[in-house]
Protein backbone atom coordinates (compact mmCIF):
# COMPACT_ATOMS: atom_id res chain seq x y z
CA UNK A 1 192.45 -68.88 210.17
CA UNK A 2 189.76 -70.97 212.05
CA UNK A 3 189.96 -74.53 213.33
CA UNK A 4 186.91 -75.83 215.26
CA UNK A 5 187.14 -78.20 217.83
CA UNK A 6 184.81 -80.00 220.19
CA UNK A 7 183.94 -78.93 223.20
CA UNK A 8 184.97 -81.90 224.58
CA UNK A 9 188.48 -81.37 223.22
CA UNK A 10 188.84 -77.69 223.65
CA UNK A 11 191.11 -78.35 227.00
CA UNK A 12 193.44 -80.62 225.29
CA UNK A 13 193.93 -78.45 222.09
CA UNK A 14 194.34 -75.39 224.33
CA UNK A 15 197.11 -77.11 226.64
CA UNK A 16 198.69 -77.94 223.56
CA UNK A 17 198.89 -74.61 222.44
CA UNK A 18 199.86 -73.17 225.42
CA UNK A 19 203.03 -75.57 225.41
CA UNK A 20 204.48 -74.35 222.05
CA UNK A 21 204.94 -71.14 223.90
CA UNK A 22 202.94 -68.70 221.71
CA UNK A 23 201.31 -65.93 222.37
CA UNK A 24 197.67 -66.95 223.32
CA UNK A 25 194.78 -64.74 224.08
CA UNK A 26 191.47 -66.02 225.23
CA UNK A 27 188.27 -65.93 223.09
CA UNK A 28 185.75 -63.14 223.74
CA UNK A 29 182.57 -63.20 225.39
CA UNK A 30 180.18 -61.88 222.54
CA UNK A 31 180.67 -65.46 220.76
CA UNK A 32 178.88 -68.23 221.81
CA UNK A 33 181.51 -71.22 222.32
CA UNK A 34 185.17 -71.12 223.54
CA UNK A 35 187.93 -69.38 221.45
CA UNK A 36 191.44 -69.52 221.93
CA UNK A 37 193.56 -67.37 219.51
CA UNK A 38 197.35 -67.57 219.02
CA UNK A 39 200.06 -65.99 216.96
CA UNK A 40 202.31 -68.16 215.31
CA UNK A 41 204.85 -66.93 212.68
CA UNK A 42 202.90 -63.63 212.77
CA UNK A 43 199.74 -65.47 211.59
CA UNK A 44 197.06 -65.45 213.38
CA UNK A 45 195.18 -69.04 214.45
CA UNK A 46 191.70 -69.65 216.48
CA UNK A 47 190.61 -72.51 217.82
CA UNK A 48 186.87 -72.73 218.39
CA UNK A 49 184.19 -74.98 219.50
CA UNK A 50 181.68 -73.34 217.57
CA UNK A 51 180.85 -73.11 213.90
CA UNK A 52 180.89 -70.51 211.35
CA UNK A 53 177.50 -70.50 210.72
CA UNK A 54 176.85 -70.46 214.31
CA UNK A 55 178.69 -67.24 214.76
CA UNK A 56 177.05 -65.73 211.55
CA UNK A 57 173.63 -66.26 212.76
CA UNK A 58 174.34 -64.16 215.80
CA UNK A 59 176.11 -61.51 214.36
CA UNK A 60 173.11 -61.26 212.11
CA UNK A 61 170.77 -61.25 214.84
CA UNK A 62 172.49 -58.75 217.27
CA UNK A 63 172.71 -56.41 214.50
CA UNK A 64 169.11 -56.62 213.32
CA UNK A 65 168.05 -55.98 217.09
CA UNK A 66 169.66 -52.60 217.05
């Protein structure tokens, strides 16, 4: 499950998630924006500052460049 947040709200939501005591992983540098992944009840969730369309466009550009 993916949840989009604004860049300005990233730290607020990241701190809330971290305070829940769930397993948290920082995002990967291969995508634009900031991401935080967390596991709750064996479900993987993501907070991300970019849109799905932006991410798909980046993946398409990367695959067409070789």
